[in-house]
Amino acid sequence: MFLFIGLISLSCLAQEKFEIKKATSTLERFYTEYSREFTNIPSRQDVRDSLITVFCSSRLVNEIYQRREKGMDYDLFLQGQDWDMKWTETILIKQEQERKDIFVVSFYVWCANLQKCWLHIHLRVILVKGRYLIDDVIEAPPNEK
């Protein structure tokens, strides 16, 4: 009897339902708060780091710190070194068709040739104990950036 109940409990835990709207909402909250802090003067890395800790998996947090130690000189979530708050208004978040755990965050930015273009950032989102967390920032191919 106890074995049967244990198996049912494990089955329920393994079948946590991944809800696209909730995952998208989490990404919207993260990018709104993160980009707002990025444009504050002075911008505080410790505040951005606390947001990363709240919205990202421990695996990704560790990877970010390792990349910084190796000299990463750009922001992984914004794919640049600066941010214009107007870009926040253009953020679009869509789930990839092929994989339900991959989301594409896009926003309109100034490109090198002083033209506006879309920047796309691919994120893997996982569901852990009822919370949606960013688990990876997937480098996009050059023609997609």
Protein backbone atom coordinates (compact mmCIF):
# COMPACT_ATOMS: atom_id res chain seq x y z
CA MET A 1 0.00 0.00 0.00
CA PHE A 2 2.77 2.47 0.95
CA LEU A 3 4.65 1.64 -2.24
CA PHE A 4 1.54 2.35 -4.32
CA ILE A 5 0.99 5.76 -2.65
CA GLY A 6 4.67 6.59 -3.09
CA LEU A 7 4.50 5.79 -6.81
CA ILE A 8 1.42 7.97 -7.23
CA SER A 9 3.16 10.84 -5.43
CA LEU A 10 6.26 10.52 -7.63
CA SER A 11 4.09 10.39 -10.73
CA CYS A 12 2.30 13.60 -9.77
CA LEU A 13 5.58 15.39 -9.08
CA ALA A 14 7.06 14.32 -12.41
CA GLN A 15 4.05 15.61 -14.28
CA GLU A 16 4.23 19.24 -13.25
CA LYS A 17 2.44 21.01 -16.08
CA PHE A 18 4.52 23.49 -18.06
CA GLU A 19 2.24 26.48 -18.74
CA ILE A 20 3.32 28.75 -21.57
CA LYS A 21 1.47 31.82 -20.21
CA LYS A 22 3.14 31.53 -16.81
CA ALA A 23 6.59 31.00 -18.32
CA THR A 24 6.06 34.01 -20.61
CA SER A 25 4.85 36.12 -17.70
CA THR A 26 8.00 35.23 -15.74
CA LEU A 27 10.19 36.33 -18.65
CA GLU A 28 8.22 39.57 -19.02
CA ARG A 29 8.68 40.35 -15.32
CA PHE A 30 12.39 39.54 -15.48
CA TYR A 31 13.07 41.70 -18.55
CA THR A 32 10.99 44.61 -17.26
CA GLU A 33 12.75 44.68 -13.86
CA TYR A 34 16.18 43.85 -15.24
CA SER A 35 16.11 46.46 -18.02
CA ARG A 36 14.76 49.10 -15.62
CA GLU A 37 17.68 48.48 -13.28
CA PHE A 38 20.10 48.49 -16.20
CA THR A 39 19.07 52.07 -17.08
CA ASN A 40 19.14 53.40 -13.51
CA ILE A 41 21.88 55.90 -12.84
CA PRO A 42 23.98 54.66 -11.29
CA SER A 43 23.23 51.16 -12.48
CA ARG A 44 23.95 48.65 -9.72
CA GLN A 45 25.36 45.27 -10.62
CA ASP A 46 24.40 43.87 -7.20
CA VAL A 47 20.71 44.61 -7.85
CA ARG A 48 20.88 42.99 -11.30
CA ASP A 49 22.66 40.01 -9.75
CA SER A 50 19.88 39.61 -7.19
CA LEU A 51 17.34 39.55 -10.05
CA ILE A 52 19.42 36.92 -11.82
CA THR A 53 19.44 34.85 -8.63
CA VAL A 54 15.64 35.06 -8.35
CA PHE A 55 14.77 34.39 -12.01
CA CYS A 56 17.56 31.96 -13.05
CA SER A 57 18.55 28.43 -12.17
CA SER A 58 21.59 27.95 -9.98
CA ARG A 59 23.31 26.28 -12.95
CA LEU A 60 22.93 29.44 -15.06
CA VAL A 61 23.91 31.74 -12.18
CA ASN A 62 27.15 29.79 -11.79
CA GLU A 63 27.79 29.90 -15.53
CA ILE A 64 27.31 33.69 -15.59
CA TYR A 65 29.81 34.19 -12.75
CA GLN A 66 32.31 31.90 -14.50
CA ARG A 67 31.97 33.83 -17.76
CA ARG A 68 32.52 37.12 -15.92
CA GLU A 69 35.66 35.73 -14.30
CA LYS A 70 36.91 34.84 -17.78
CA GLY A 71 36.33 38.41 -18.97
CA MET A 72 32.82 38.50 -20.46
CA ASP A 73 32.34 42.22 -21.23
CA TYR A 74 28.67 42.31 -22.23
CA ASP A 75 25.35 41.54 -20.61
CA LEU A 76 24.16 38.06 -21.48
CA PHE A 77 20.45 38.88 -21.25
CA LEU A 78 20.66 42.06 -23.32
CA GLN A 79 23.46 40.89 -25.62
CA GLY A 80 25.16 44.26 -25.27
CA GLN A 81 26.73 46.76 -22.92
CA ASP A 82 23.94 49.33 -22.77
CA TRP A 83 20.18 49.55 -22.85
CA ASP A 84 17.68 52.20 -23.89
CA MET A 85 14.48 52.07 -21.83
CA LYS A 86 12.48 52.64 -25.04
CA TRP A 87 13.58 49.18 -26.14
CA THR A 88 11.62 47.68 -23.24
CA GLU A 89 8.40 48.79 -24.95
CA THR A 90 9.28 46.66 -27.99
CA ILE A 91 9.98 43.39 -26.17
CA LEU A 92 8.20 40.39 -27.67
CA ILE A 93 8.35 36.94 -26.11
CA LYS A 94 7.37 33.85 -28.08
CA GLN A 95 7.73 30.17 -27.52
CA GLU A 96 9.65 28.22 -30.17
CA GLN A 97 7.38 25.92 -32.13
CA GLU A 98 9.68 22.90 -32.00
CA ARG A 99 10.60 22.95 -28.30
CA LYS A 100 8.23 24.05 -25.57
CA ASP A 101 11.05 24.99 -23.17
CA ILE A 102 12.75 27.47 -25.54
CA PHE A 103 11.53 31.07 -25.72
CA VAL A 104 12.72 33.83 -28.00
CA VAL A 105 12.92 37.30 -26.46
CA SER A 106 13.08 39.94 -29.20
CA PHE A 107 13.42 43.70 -29.02
CA TYR A 108 14.10 46.56 -31.41
CA VAL A 109 17.58 48.07 -30.99
CA TRP A 110 20.01 50.35 -32.78
CA CYS A 111 22.39 48.27 -34.89
CA ALA A 112 25.97 49.04 -35.86
CA ASN A 113 24.88 50.82 -39.05
CA LEU A 114 22.58 53.17 -37.04
CA GLN A 115 19.52 51.36 -38.35
CA LYS A 116 16.95 49.77 -36.09
CA CYS A 117 16.83 45.99 -36.13
CA TRP A 118 15.40 43.14 -34.11
CA LEU A 119 17.67 41.38 -31.63
CA HIS A 120 16.64 37.83 -30.71
CA ILE A 121 17.73 36.05 -27.54
CA HIS A 122 16.90 32.38 -27.08
CA LEU A 123 16.27 31.25 -23.51
CA ARG A 124 15.62 27.81 -22.07
CA VAL A 125 13.02 27.94 -19.30
CA ILE A 126 12.52 25.15 -16.80
CA LEU A 127 9.85 24.48 -14.21
CA VAL A 128 11.22 23.69 -10.75
CA LYS A 129 8.89 23.22 -7.78
CA GLY A 130 6.22 25.43 -9.33
CA ARG A 131 8.64 28.20 -10.38
CA TYR A 132 9.72 29.07 -13.90
CA LEU A 133 13.45 29.73 -14.13
CA ILE A 134 15.74 30.75 -16.96
CA ASP A 135 18.17 27.86 -17.30
CA ASP A 136 20.18 28.81 -20.37
CA VAL A 137 20.87 31.63 -22.78
CA ILE A 138 21.37 29.95 -26.12
CA GLU A 139 23.71 31.78 -28.45
CA ALA A 140 21.81 32.54 -31.65
CA PRO A 141 23.36 32.05 -35.07
CA PRO A 142 24.93 35.29 -36.46
CA ASN A 143 22.14 35.76 -39.03
CA GLU A 144 19.55 35.77 -36.24
CA LYS A 145 21.10 38.38 -33.93
